[in-house]
């Protein structure tokens, strides 16, 4: 493809309010965490076209931040309730609370570590990186 092409993907009027996290899926979809609407929005990463909300109206999600895709799962840092949540990356269905507790204290960044199967999570309020076993 060569070179950078800049376009405005995230637009508040398309459902995104406070974009805080990005993740890509192998088929070209880009996921954007919308902190203010408690949603994860899906876009076509090649065209920038909005495909709709992947995660919406989920009672477990409160102020999404970091995103990571691993083994068909979308992992989402839920900042305000100290959780990492797992959703299906294909249809957005809720799978499980992947990690939770006060030790997370404001999870922000989520990153999969394929060699170990672990997930790394940053804690904003505790100034540390946590390792969750996959």
N, C-alpha and C. Protein backbone atom coordinates (compact mmCIF):
# COMPACT_ATOMS: atom_id res chain seq x y z
N UNK A 1 0.83 -1.18 0.00
CA UNK A 1 0.00 0.00 0.00
C UNK A 1 0.87 1.25 0.00
N UNK A 2 1.98 1.26 0.70
CA UNK A 2 2.93 2.37 0.69
C UNK A 2 2.37 3.69 1.16
N UNK A 3 3.08 4.34 2.04
CA UNK A 3 2.72 5.68 2.51
C UNK A 3 1.52 5.68 3.44
N UNK A 4 1.29 6.83 4.02
CA UNK A 4 0.19 7.02 4.96
C UNK A 4 -0.97 7.70 4.27
N UNK A 5 -2.16 7.29 4.58
CA UNK A 5 -3.36 7.97 4.14
C UNK A 5 -4.11 8.37 5.40
N UNK A 6 -4.34 9.66 5.55
CA UNK A 6 -5.01 10.15 6.76
C UNK A 6 -6.45 10.49 6.43
N UNK A 7 -7.35 9.98 7.23
CA UNK A 7 -8.75 10.32 7.12
C UNK A 7 -9.37 10.30 8.49
N UNK A 8 -10.40 11.04 8.63
CA UNK A 8 -11.06 11.09 9.93
C UNK A 8 -12.04 9.93 10.04
N UNK A 9 -11.70 8.98 10.89
CA UNK A 9 -12.55 7.81 11.09
C UNK A 9 -13.51 8.07 12.23
N UNK A 10 -12.98 8.55 13.32
CA UNK A 10 -13.78 8.69 14.53
C UNK A 10 -14.50 10.03 14.51
N UNK A 11 -15.81 9.96 14.61
CA UNK A 11 -16.63 11.15 14.56
C UNK A 11 -17.70 11.04 15.64
N UNK A 12 -17.76 12.02 16.51
CA UNK A 12 -18.71 11.98 17.63
C UNK A 12 -20.14 11.76 17.15
N UNK A 13 -20.45 12.28 16.00
CA UNK A 13 -21.81 12.15 15.49
C UNK A 13 -22.09 10.77 14.92
N UNK A 14 -21.09 9.92 14.91
CA UNK A 14 -21.27 8.53 14.49
C UNK A 14 -21.20 7.60 15.69
N UNK A 15 -21.45 8.13 16.89
CA UNK A 15 -21.55 7.29 18.07
C UNK A 15 -20.31 7.25 18.94
N UNK A 16 -19.21 7.83 18.52
CA UNK A 16 -18.00 7.77 19.32
C UNK A 16 -17.87 9.04 20.14
N UNK A 17 -17.66 8.87 21.44
CA UNK A 17 -17.49 9.99 22.35
C UNK A 17 -16.31 9.67 23.27
N UNK A 18 -15.20 10.29 23.00
CA UNK A 18 -14.00 10.04 23.80
C UNK A 18 -13.31 8.75 23.39
N UNK A 19 -12.81 8.67 22.15
CA UNK A 19 -12.12 7.45 21.72
C UNK A 19 -10.85 7.22 22.54
N UNK A 20 -10.75 6.05 23.17
CA UNK A 20 -9.62 5.80 24.07
C UNK A 20 -8.81 4.57 23.73
N UNK A 21 -9.32 3.70 22.89
CA UNK A 21 -8.57 2.48 22.56
C UNK A 21 -8.84 2.05 21.14
N UNK A 22 -7.84 1.39 20.55
CA UNK A 22 -7.94 0.88 19.18
C UNK A 22 -7.44 -0.55 19.14
N UNK A 23 -8.06 -1.35 18.30
CA UNK A 23 -7.56 -2.69 18.03
C UNK A 23 -7.98 -3.07 16.62
N UNK A 24 -7.21 -3.94 16.01
CA UNK A 24 -7.50 -4.40 14.66
C UNK A 24 -7.73 -5.90 14.65
N UNK A 25 -8.65 -6.32 13.80
CA UNK A 25 -8.89 -7.74 13.59
C UNK A 25 -8.32 -8.12 12.23
N UNK A 26 -7.99 -9.37 12.06
CA UNK A 26 -7.33 -9.84 10.85
C UNK A 26 -8.06 -9.56 9.55
N UNK A 27 -9.39 -9.43 9.60
CA UNK A 27 -10.14 -9.21 8.37
C UNK A 27 -10.21 -7.75 7.95
N UNK A 28 -9.54 -6.87 8.67
CA UNK A 28 -9.53 -5.45 8.30
C UNK A 28 -10.43 -4.58 9.13
N UNK A 29 -11.14 -5.14 10.10
CA UNK A 29 -11.97 -4.32 10.97
C UNK A 29 -11.12 -3.62 12.02
N UNK A 30 -11.51 -2.40 12.34
CA UNK A 30 -10.87 -1.63 13.40
C UNK A 30 -11.93 -1.39 14.48
N UNK A 31 -11.56 -1.66 15.72
CA UNK A 31 -12.45 -1.43 16.85
C UNK A 31 -11.98 -0.18 17.59
N UNK A 32 -12.93 0.66 17.99
CA UNK A 32 -12.63 1.89 18.72
C UNK A 32 -13.44 1.89 20.01
N UNK A 33 -12.75 2.05 21.15
CA UNK A 33 -13.44 2.17 22.43
C UNK A 33 -14.01 3.58 22.56
N UNK A 34 -15.28 3.67 22.86
CA UNK A 34 -15.96 4.95 23.04
C UNK A 34 -16.25 5.13 24.53
N UNK A 35 -15.37 5.85 25.21
CA UNK A 35 -15.42 6.02 26.67
C UNK A 35 -16.75 6.61 27.12
N UNK A 36 -17.22 7.64 26.43
CA UNK A 36 -18.41 8.37 26.87
C UNK A 36 -19.72 7.68 26.60
N UNK A 37 -19.74 6.71 25.67
CA UNK A 37 -20.99 6.02 25.35
C UNK A 37 -21.00 4.56 25.82
N UNK A 38 -19.91 4.10 26.44
CA UNK A 38 -19.79 2.71 26.90
C UNK A 38 -20.03 1.72 25.77
N UNK A 39 -19.36 1.96 24.65
CA UNK A 39 -19.50 1.09 23.48
C UNK A 39 -18.14 0.81 22.86
N UNK A 40 -18.11 -0.21 22.03
CA UNK A 40 -16.99 -0.46 21.14
C UNK A 40 -17.56 -0.40 19.73
N UNK A 41 -17.03 0.51 18.93
CA UNK A 41 -17.54 0.76 17.58
C UNK A 41 -16.63 0.07 16.56
N UNK A 42 -17.24 -0.47 15.51
CA UNK A 42 -16.49 -1.18 14.46
C UNK A 42 -16.47 -0.34 13.18
N UNK A 43 -15.27 -0.25 12.59
CA UNK A 43 -15.07 0.45 11.33
C UNK A 43 -14.33 -0.46 10.35
N UNK A 44 -14.47 -0.19 9.09
CA UNK A 44 -13.64 -0.81 8.07
C UNK A 44 -12.33 -0.03 8.06
N UNK A 45 -11.22 -0.68 8.37
CA UNK A 45 -9.96 0.05 8.51
C UNK A 45 -9.38 0.50 7.17
N UNK A 46 -9.87 -0.04 6.08
CA UNK A 46 -9.36 0.36 4.76
C UNK A 46 -10.09 1.58 4.21
N UNK A 47 -11.40 1.65 4.47
CA UNK A 47 -12.20 2.74 3.91
C UNK A 47 -12.59 3.78 4.96
N UNK A 48 -12.55 3.41 6.23
CA UNK A 48 -12.97 4.31 7.29
C UNK A 48 -14.47 4.31 7.52
N UNK A 49 -15.20 3.47 6.79
CA UNK A 49 -16.66 3.45 6.92
C UNK A 49 -17.09 2.82 8.25
N UNK A 50 -18.06 3.45 8.86
CA UNK A 50 -18.66 2.95 10.10
C UNK A 50 -19.45 1.68 9.80
N UNK A 51 -19.19 0.63 10.57
CA UNK A 51 -19.94 -0.61 10.43
C UNK A 51 -20.96 -0.78 11.55
N UNK A 52 -20.85 0.02 12.61
CA UNK A 52 -21.81 -0.04 13.70
C UNK A 52 -21.15 -0.41 15.02
N UNK A 53 -21.97 -0.43 16.06
CA UNK A 53 -21.48 -0.78 17.39
C UNK A 53 -21.32 -2.29 17.49
N UNK A 54 -20.14 -2.73 17.91
CA UNK A 54 -19.91 -4.15 18.15
C UNK A 54 -20.40 -4.51 19.55
N UNK A 55 -20.07 -3.67 20.53
CA UNK A 55 -20.50 -3.87 21.91
C UNK A 55 -21.30 -2.64 22.32
N UNK A 56 -22.53 -2.87 22.77
CA UNK A 56 -23.40 -1.78 23.18
C UNK A 56 -24.41 -2.32 24.20
N UNK A 57 -24.87 -1.48 25.09
CA UNK A 57 -25.87 -1.88 26.09
C UNK A 57 -25.43 -3.09 26.90
N UNK A 58 -24.16 -3.15 27.25
CA UNK A 58 -23.66 -4.25 28.07
C UNK A 58 -23.55 -3.77 29.52
N UNK A 59 -24.27 -4.40 30.45
CA UNK A 59 -24.24 -3.94 31.84
C UNK A 59 -22.88 -4.09 32.52
N UNK A 60 -21.99 -4.90 31.96
CA UNK A 60 -20.67 -5.11 32.55
C UNK A 60 -19.69 -4.00 32.20
N UNK A 61 -19.94 -3.28 31.10
CA UNK A 61 -18.98 -2.32 30.56
C UNK A 61 -19.23 -0.92 31.10
N UNK A 62 -18.17 -0.30 31.66
CA UNK A 62 -18.28 1.05 32.19
C UNK A 62 -17.01 1.81 31.84
N UNK A 63 -17.10 2.68 30.85
CA UNK A 63 -15.99 3.52 30.41
C UNK A 63 -14.84 2.68 29.82
N UNK A 64 -15.05 2.14 28.62
CA UNK A 64 -14.01 1.31 27.99
C UNK A 64 -12.77 2.12 27.65
N UNK A 65 -11.62 1.50 27.82
CA UNK A 65 -10.34 2.13 27.49
C UNK A 65 -9.60 1.26 26.49
N UNK A 66 -8.63 0.47 26.96
CA UNK A 66 -7.80 -0.32 26.06
C UNK A 66 -8.53 -1.50 25.46
N UNK A 67 -8.09 -1.87 24.24
CA UNK A 67 -8.66 -3.00 23.51
C UNK A 67 -7.54 -3.89 23.01
N UNK A 68 -7.82 -5.19 22.93
CA UNK A 68 -6.89 -6.13 22.32
C UNK A 68 -7.70 -7.28 21.73
N UNK A 69 -7.24 -7.79 20.60
CA UNK A 69 -7.88 -8.95 19.98
C UNK A 69 -6.93 -10.13 20.12
N UNK A 70 -7.46 -11.25 20.61
CA UNK A 70 -6.66 -12.46 20.81
C UNK A 70 -7.55 -13.68 20.66
N UNK A 71 -7.18 -14.56 19.76
CA UNK A 71 -7.90 -15.83 19.57
C UNK A 71 -9.40 -15.65 19.38
N UNK A 72 -9.78 -14.68 18.57
CA UNK A 72 -11.19 -14.46 18.31
C UNK A 72 -11.95 -13.73 19.39
N UNK A 73 -11.25 -13.32 20.43
CA UNK A 73 -11.86 -12.57 21.53
C UNK A 73 -11.43 -11.12 21.46
N UNK A 74 -12.34 -10.24 21.81
CA UNK A 74 -12.01 -8.83 21.99
C UNK A 74 -11.95 -8.59 23.49
N UNK A 75 -10.78 -8.21 23.98
CA UNK A 75 -10.60 -7.91 25.40
C UNK A 75 -10.72 -6.40 25.58
N UNK A 76 -11.50 -5.99 26.57
CA UNK A 76 -11.79 -4.57 26.79
C UNK A 76 -11.51 -4.21 28.24
N UNK A 77 -10.69 -3.18 28.45
CA UNK A 77 -10.46 -2.64 29.80
C UNK A 77 -11.65 -1.76 30.15
N UNK A 78 -12.36 -2.13 31.21
CA UNK A 78 -13.51 -1.37 31.68
C UNK A 78 -13.04 -0.53 32.88
N UNK A 79 -12.71 0.72 32.60
CA UNK A 79 -11.97 1.59 33.53
C UNK A 79 -12.67 1.82 34.86
N UNK A 80 -13.95 2.16 34.82
CA UNK A 80 -14.64 2.59 36.03
C UNK A 80 -15.04 1.46 36.98
N UNK A 81 -15.08 0.22 36.50
CA UNK A 81 -15.43 -0.87 37.41
C UNK A 81 -14.32 -1.91 37.54
N UNK A 82 -13.11 -1.54 37.14
CA UNK A 82 -11.91 -2.35 37.39
C UNK A 82 -12.02 -3.78 36.87
N UNK A 83 -12.35 -3.90 35.58
CA UNK A 83 -12.49 -5.21 34.96
C UNK A 83 -11.84 -5.24 33.59
N UNK A 84 -11.48 -6.44 33.16
CA UNK A 84 -11.17 -6.71 31.76
C UNK A 84 -12.23 -7.69 31.30
N UNK A 85 -12.95 -7.31 30.26
CA UNK A 85 -14.07 -8.09 29.77
C UNK A 85 -13.72 -8.74 28.45
N UNK A 86 -14.33 -9.88 28.18
CA UNK A 86 -14.08 -10.62 26.96
C UNK A 86 -15.37 -10.72 26.15
N UNK A 87 -15.28 -10.36 24.87
CA UNK A 87 -16.40 -10.42 23.93
C UNK A 87 -15.97 -11.19 22.70
N UNK A 88 -16.93 -11.71 21.97
CA UNK A 88 -16.64 -12.32 20.68
C UNK A 88 -16.26 -11.19 19.72
N UNK A 89 -15.10 -11.33 19.05
CA UNK A 89 -14.66 -10.30 18.11
C UNK A 89 -15.50 -10.31 16.84
N UNK A 90 -16.25 -11.38 16.60
CA UNK A 90 -17.05 -11.43 15.37
C UNK A 90 -18.44 -10.83 15.54
N UNK A 91 -19.10 -11.09 16.68
CA UNK A 91 -20.46 -10.57 16.84
C UNK A 91 -20.68 -9.72 18.09
N UNK A 92 -19.67 -9.55 18.93
CA UNK A 92 -19.77 -8.69 20.10
C UNK A 92 -20.49 -9.30 21.29
N UNK A 93 -20.83 -10.57 21.21
CA UNK A 93 -21.52 -11.18 22.35
C UNK A 93 -20.58 -11.28 23.56
N UNK A 94 -21.14 -11.07 24.73
CA UNK A 94 -20.36 -11.11 25.96
C UNK A 94 -19.95 -12.55 26.25
N UNK A 95 -18.66 -12.76 26.55
CA UNK A 95 -18.16 -14.10 26.85
C UNK A 95 -17.92 -14.29 28.34
N UNK A 96 -17.16 -13.35 28.95
CA UNK A 96 -16.85 -13.52 30.37
C UNK A 96 -16.18 -12.27 30.93
N UNK A 97 -16.16 -12.20 32.26
CA UNK A 97 -15.30 -11.24 32.95
C UNK A 97 -13.94 -11.92 33.00
N UNK A 98 -13.01 -11.43 32.22
CA UNK A 98 -11.70 -12.06 32.08
C UNK A 98 -10.82 -11.83 33.31
N UNK A 99 -10.95 -10.66 33.91
CA UNK A 99 -10.21 -10.32 35.12
C UNK A 99 -10.94 -9.19 35.82
N UNK A 100 -10.91 -9.20 37.16
CA UNK A 100 -11.61 -8.16 37.91
C UNK A 100 -11.02 -8.03 39.30
N UNK A 101 -11.21 -6.86 39.87
CA UNK A 101 -10.80 -6.66 41.25
C UNK A 101 -10.18 -5.31 41.48
N UNK A 102 -10.11 -4.91 42.74
CA UNK A 102 -9.56 -3.60 43.08
C UNK A 102 -8.07 -3.47 42.76
N UNK A 103 -7.37 -4.60 42.61
CA UNK A 103 -5.96 -4.53 42.25
C UNK A 103 -5.75 -3.94 40.86
N UNK A 104 -6.79 -3.98 40.02
CA UNK A 104 -6.68 -3.36 38.69
C UNK A 104 -6.73 -1.84 38.80
N UNK A 105 -7.65 -1.33 39.58
CA UNK A 105 -7.75 0.08 39.92
C UNK A 105 -7.54 1.01 38.72
N UNK A 106 -8.49 0.96 37.80
CA UNK A 106 -8.42 1.81 36.61
C UNK A 106 -7.64 1.18 35.47
N UNK A 107 -8.07 0.00 35.00
CA UNK A 107 -7.34 -0.61 33.89
C UNK A 107 -7.45 0.23 32.63
N UNK A 108 -6.32 0.42 31.94
CA UNK A 108 -6.33 1.26 30.75
C UNK A 108 -5.90 0.51 29.50
N UNK A 109 -4.68 0.05 29.45
CA UNK A 109 -4.15 -0.60 28.27
C UNK A 109 -4.25 -2.11 28.43
N UNK A 110 -4.65 -2.79 27.37
CA UNK A 110 -4.72 -4.25 27.36
C UNK A 110 -3.90 -4.73 26.17
N UNK A 111 -3.03 -5.72 26.43
CA UNK A 111 -2.21 -6.25 25.35
C UNK A 111 -2.05 -7.76 25.53
N UNK A 112 -2.32 -8.49 24.46
CA UNK A 112 -2.13 -9.94 24.50
C UNK A 112 -0.65 -10.25 24.30
N UNK A 113 -0.17 -11.26 25.00
CA UNK A 113 1.21 -11.72 24.86
C UNK A 113 1.17 -13.15 24.34
N UNK A 114 1.12 -13.34 23.00
CA UNK A 114 0.93 -14.66 22.40
C UNK A 114 1.89 -15.75 22.85
N UNK A 115 3.19 -15.46 23.07
CA UNK A 115 4.08 -16.56 23.47
C UNK A 115 3.68 -17.26 24.77
N UNK A 116 3.08 -16.51 25.70
CA UNK A 116 2.71 -17.09 26.99
C UNK A 116 1.21 -17.30 27.15
N UNK A 117 0.42 -16.68 26.27
CA UNK A 117 -1.03 -16.75 26.41
C UNK A 117 -1.55 -15.81 27.48
N UNK A 118 -0.69 -15.00 28.03
CA UNK A 118 -1.08 -14.06 29.08
C UNK A 118 -1.60 -12.76 28.47
N UNK A 119 -2.24 -11.98 29.30
CA UNK A 119 -2.73 -10.66 28.91
C UNK A 119 -2.12 -9.65 29.87
N UNK A 120 -1.54 -8.59 29.33
CA UNK A 120 -0.94 -7.52 30.14
C UNK A 120 -1.94 -6.37 30.24
N UNK A 121 -2.08 -5.83 31.43
CA UNK A 121 -3.03 -4.75 31.69
C UNK A 121 -2.33 -3.68 32.52
N UNK A 122 -2.47 -2.42 32.11
CA UNK A 122 -1.92 -1.35 32.93
C UNK A 122 -2.97 -0.86 33.91
N UNK A 123 -2.53 -0.55 35.13
CA UNK A 123 -3.40 0.01 36.16
C UNK A 123 -3.05 1.48 36.34
N UNK A 124 -3.99 2.35 35.99
CA UNK A 124 -3.76 3.79 36.05
C UNK A 124 -3.47 4.28 37.46
N UNK A 125 -4.28 3.85 38.42
CA UNK A 125 -4.17 4.37 39.78
C UNK A 125 -3.09 3.70 40.62
N UNK A 126 -2.67 2.52 40.24
CA UNK A 126 -1.64 1.81 41.02
C UNK A 126 -0.26 1.87 40.37
N UNK A 127 -0.17 2.48 39.20
CA UNK A 127 1.12 2.64 38.51
C UNK A 127 1.86 1.32 38.34
N UNK A 128 1.17 0.33 37.77
CA UNK A 128 1.80 -0.95 37.55
C UNK A 128 1.24 -1.65 36.33
N UNK A 129 1.96 -2.65 35.88
CA UNK A 129 1.50 -3.52 34.80
C UNK A 129 1.17 -4.87 35.42
N UNK A 130 -0.03 -5.34 35.15
CA UNK A 130 -0.51 -6.61 35.69
C UNK A 130 -0.46 -7.68 34.62
N UNK A 131 -0.22 -8.91 35.01
CA UNK A 131 -0.22 -10.04 34.09
C UNK A 131 -1.35 -10.97 34.47
N UNK A 132 -2.28 -11.16 33.53
CA UNK A 132 -3.40 -12.08 33.74
C UNK A 132 -3.13 -13.33 32.93
N UNK A 133 -3.27 -14.48 33.52
CA UNK A 133 -3.08 -15.72 32.79
C UNK A 133 -4.24 -15.93 31.85
N UNK A 134 -3.89 -16.35 30.61
CA UNK A 134 -4.92 -16.60 29.59
C UNK A 134 -5.61 -17.86 29.88
